[in-house]
Amino acid sequence: MRHPEDPDRYVEDVLSCVEQVPPGRVTTYGAIAEAVGRYGPRRVGNVMAGHGAAVAWWRVVRADGSLPPSHDDEARQAYLAEGTALRASGRVDLSTAFFMPRSPARG
């Protein structure tokens, strides 16, 4: 029988991945899901929506380098301040700025 996962542990693991992303770099919801090793990008998005204010949330973008439209202005300011590579479209240039987080350490 599979034991139910501690939801707080999953949140901690997702936020730990976000904390690894250095200034000027970004990762994707899918890359975090891959590093954490369970669930998918939407679940990561749910964690970020509920708990992401505690970390540099603008460093997590969609697979196309965009953020939800409601976050664009604030995120753009952070990208400019950090020197994050942007495309002419305003999306993050993932070919330059992508960072792959490591699997969270298990204590």
C-alpha atoms as a PDB file:
ATOM      1  CA  MET A   1       0.000   0.000   0.000  1.00  0.00           C
ATOM      2  CA  ARG A   2       1.333   3.423  -0.944  1.00  0.00           C
ATOM      3  CA  HIS A   3       1.649   5.957   1.857  1.00  0.00           C
ATOM      4  CA  PRO A   4       0.058   9.336   1.224  1.00  0.00           C
ATOM      5  CA  GLU A   5       2.579  12.081   0.634  1.00  0.00           C
ATOM      6  CA  ASP A   6       2.965  14.930   3.077  1.00  0.00           C
ATOM      7  CA  PRO A   7       1.654  17.958   1.119  1.00  0.00           C
ATOM      8  CA  ASP A   8       3.877  20.300   3.132  1.00  0.00           C
ATOM      9  CA  ARG A   9       6.931  18.313   2.011  1.00  0.00           C
ATOM     10  CA  TYR A  10       5.931  18.733  -1.634  1.00  0.00           C
ATOM     11  CA  VAL A  11       5.566  22.506  -1.156  1.00  0.00           C
ATOM     12  CA  GLU A  12       8.982  22.634   0.527  1.00  0.00           C
ATOM     13  CA  ASP A  13      10.541  20.649  -2.323  1.00  0.00           C
ATOM     14  CA  VAL A  14       9.088  22.959  -4.986  1.00  0.00           C
ATOM     15  CA  LEU A  15      10.161  26.101  -3.136  1.00  0.00           C
ATOM     16  CA  SER A  16      13.624  24.603  -2.566  1.00  0.00           C
ATOM     17  CA  CYS A  17      13.999  24.215  -6.340  1.00  0.00           C
ATOM     18  CA  VAL A  18      12.966  27.837  -6.912  1.00  0.00           C
ATOM     19  CA  GLU A  19      15.498  29.013  -4.333  1.00  0.00           C
ATOM     20  CA  GLN A  20      18.286  27.360  -6.376  1.00  0.00           C
ATOM     21  CA  VAL A  21      17.671  29.613  -9.393  1.00  0.00           C
ATOM     22  CA  PRO A  22      20.271  32.399  -9.397  1.00  0.00           C
ATOM     23  CA  PRO A  23      19.491  36.032 -10.273  1.00  0.00           C
ATOM     24  CA  GLY A  24      19.296  36.576 -14.017  1.00  0.00           C
ATOM     25  CA  ARG A  25      18.265  32.979 -14.686  1.00  0.00           C
ATOM     26  CA  VAL A  26      14.900  31.197 -14.807  1.00  0.00           C
ATOM     27  CA  THR A  27      13.481  27.718 -14.714  1.00  0.00           C
ATOM     28  CA  THR A  28      10.156  26.319 -15.850  1.00  0.00           C
ATOM     29  CA  TYR A  29       7.233  24.741 -14.052  1.00  0.00           C
ATOM     30  CA  GLY A  30       8.038  21.512 -15.913  1.00  0.00           C
ATOM     31  CA  ALA A  31      11.712  21.554 -14.934  1.00  0.00           C
ATOM     32  CA  ILE A  32      10.741  21.899 -11.283  1.00  0.00           C
ATOM     33  CA  ALA A  33       8.274  19.017 -11.613  1.00  0.00           C
ATOM     34  CA  GLU A  34      11.067  16.928 -13.139  1.00  0.00           C
ATOM     35  CA  ALA A  35      13.541  17.849 -10.384  1.00  0.00           C
ATOM     36  CA  VAL A  36      11.039  17.133  -7.622  1.00  0.00           C
ATOM     37  CA  GLY A  37      10.180  13.844  -9.304  1.00  0.00           C
ATOM     38  CA  ARG A  38       6.457  13.812  -8.822  1.00  0.00           C
ATOM     39  CA  TYR A  39       3.343  15.400 -10.254  1.00  0.00           C
ATOM     40  CA  GLY A  40       3.515  17.800 -13.156  1.00  0.00           C
ATOM     41  CA  PRO A  41       3.864  21.455 -14.082  1.00  0.00           C
ATOM     42  CA  ARG A  42       0.292  22.343 -13.112  1.00  0.00           C
ATOM     43  CA  ARG A  43       0.832  21.089  -9.587  1.00  0.00           C
ATOM     44  CA  VAL A  44       4.003  23.205  -9.393  1.00  0.00           C
ATOM     45  CA  GLY A  45       1.927  26.164 -10.609  1.00  0.00           C
ATOM     46  CA  ASN A  46      -0.586  25.555  -7.828  1.00  0.00           C
ATOM     47  CA  VAL A  47       2.197  25.570  -5.251  1.00  0.00           C
ATOM     48  CA  MET A  48       3.613  28.789  -6.699  1.00  0.00           C
ATOM     49  CA  ALA A  49       0.169  30.418  -6.679  1.00  0.00           C
ATOM     50  CA  GLY A  50      -0.344  29.564  -3.019  1.00  0.00           C
ATOM     51  CA  HIS A  51       3.171  29.820  -1.628  1.00  0.00           C
ATOM     52  CA  GLY A  52       5.397  31.453  -4.242  1.00  0.00           C
ATOM     53  CA  ALA A  53       5.465  34.903  -2.654  1.00  0.00           C
ATOM     54  CA  ALA A  54       8.114  33.571  -0.254  1.00  0.00           C
ATOM     55  CA  VAL A  55      10.606  33.016  -3.113  1.00  0.00           C
ATOM     56  CA  ALA A  56      11.728  34.729  -6.332  1.00  0.00           C
ATOM     57  CA  TRP A  57       8.535  33.645  -8.160  1.00  0.00           C
ATOM     58  CA  TRP A  58       9.417  35.574 -11.345  1.00  0.00           C
ATOM     59  CA  ARG A  59      12.237  33.085 -11.928  1.00  0.00           C
ATOM     60  CA  VAL A  60       9.666  30.379 -12.748  1.00  0.00           C
ATOM     61  CA  VAL A  61       8.144  30.711 -16.205  1.00  0.00           C
ATOM     62  CA  ARG A  62       6.092  28.725 -18.680  1.00  0.00           C
ATOM     63  CA  ALA A  63       7.841  26.516 -21.215  1.00  0.00           C
ATOM     64  CA  ASP A  64       7.625  29.347 -23.770  1.00  0.00           C
ATOM     65  CA  GLY A  65       9.373  31.817 -21.445  1.00  0.00           C
ATOM     66  CA  SER A  66       6.236  33.696 -20.438  1.00  0.00           C
ATOM     67  CA  LEU A  67       4.462  34.330 -17.162  1.00  0.00           C
ATOM     68  CA  PRO A  68       0.729  34.620 -16.604  1.00  0.00           C
ATOM     69  CA  PRO A  69      -0.295  38.098 -17.888  1.00  0.00           C
ATOM     70  CA  SER A  70      -1.206  39.313 -14.397  1.00  0.00           C
ATOM     71  CA  HIS A  71       2.488  39.051 -13.406  1.00  0.00           C
ATOM     72  CA  ASP A  72       4.135  40.590 -16.462  1.00  0.00           C
ATOM     73  CA  ASP A  73       4.799  44.137 -15.217  1.00  0.00           C
ATOM     74  CA  GLU A  74       6.321  43.198 -11.868  1.00  0.00           C
ATOM     75  CA  ALA A  75       8.293  40.330 -13.367  1.00  0.00           C
ATOM     76  CA  ARG A  76       9.645  42.530 -16.168  1.00  0.00           C
ATOM     77  CA  GLN A  77      11.045  44.957 -13.588  1.00  0.00           C
ATOM     78  CA  ALA A  78      12.760  42.065 -11.797  1.00  0.00           C
ATOM     79  CA  TYR A  79      14.168  40.711 -15.087  1.00  0.00           C
ATOM     80  CA  LEU A  80      15.610  44.098 -15.991  1.00  0.00           C
ATOM     81  CA  ALA A  81      17.083  44.573 -12.509  1.00  0.00           C
ATOM     82  CA  GLU A  82      18.687  41.102 -12.607  1.00  0.00           C
ATOM     83  CA  GLY A  83      19.854  41.287 -16.224  1.00  0.00           C
ATOM     84  CA  THR A  84      17.741  38.333 -17.336  1.00  0.00           C
ATOM     85  CA  ALA A  85      17.970  37.712 -21.094  1.00  0.00           C
ATOM     86  CA  LEU A  86      14.714  38.705 -22.810  1.00  0.00           C
ATOM     87  CA  ARG A  87      13.451  38.267 -26.348  1.00  0.00           C
ATOM     88  CA  ALA A  88      11.968  41.127 -28.373  1.00  0.00           C
ATOM     89  CA  SER A  89       8.526  39.676 -27.509  1.00  0.00           C
ATOM     90  CA  GLY A  90       9.208  40.348 -23.816  1.00  0.00           C
ATOM     91  CA  ARG A  91       9.415  36.663 -22.981  1.00  0.00           C
ATOM     92  CA  VAL A  92      12.479  35.285 -21.257  1.00  0.00           C
ATOM     93  CA  ASP A  93      15.097  33.919 -23.645  1.00  0.00           C
ATOM     94  CA  LEU A  94      15.253  30.356 -22.347  1.00  0.00           C
ATOM     95  CA  SER A  95      18.169  29.458 -24.619  1.00  0.00           C
ATOM     96  CA  THR A  96      20.294  31.855 -22.553  1.00  0.00           C
ATOM     97  CA  ALA A  97      18.587  32.120 -19.166  1.00  0.00           C
ATOM     98  CA  PHE A  98      17.376  28.572 -18.429  1.00  0.00           C
ATOM     99  CA  PHE A  99      18.562  26.946 -15.191  1.00  0.00           C
ATOM    100  CA  MET A 100      17.847  23.304 -14.305  1.00  0.00           C
ATOM    101  CA  PRO A 101      17.300  22.879 -10.556  1.00  0.00           C
ATOM    102  CA  ARG A 102      18.647  19.838  -8.750  1.00  0.00           C
ATOM    103  CA  SER A 103      16.448  17.403  -6.918  1.00  0.00           C
ATOM    104  CA  PRO A 104      15.808  18.714  -3.392  1.00  0.00           C
ATOM    105  CA  ALA A 105      18.018  17.176  -0.723  1.00  0.00           C
ATOM    106  CA  ARG A 106      16.282  14.604   1.395  1.00  0.00           C
ATOM    107  CA  GLY A 107      17.093  14.925   5.039  1.00  0.00           C
END
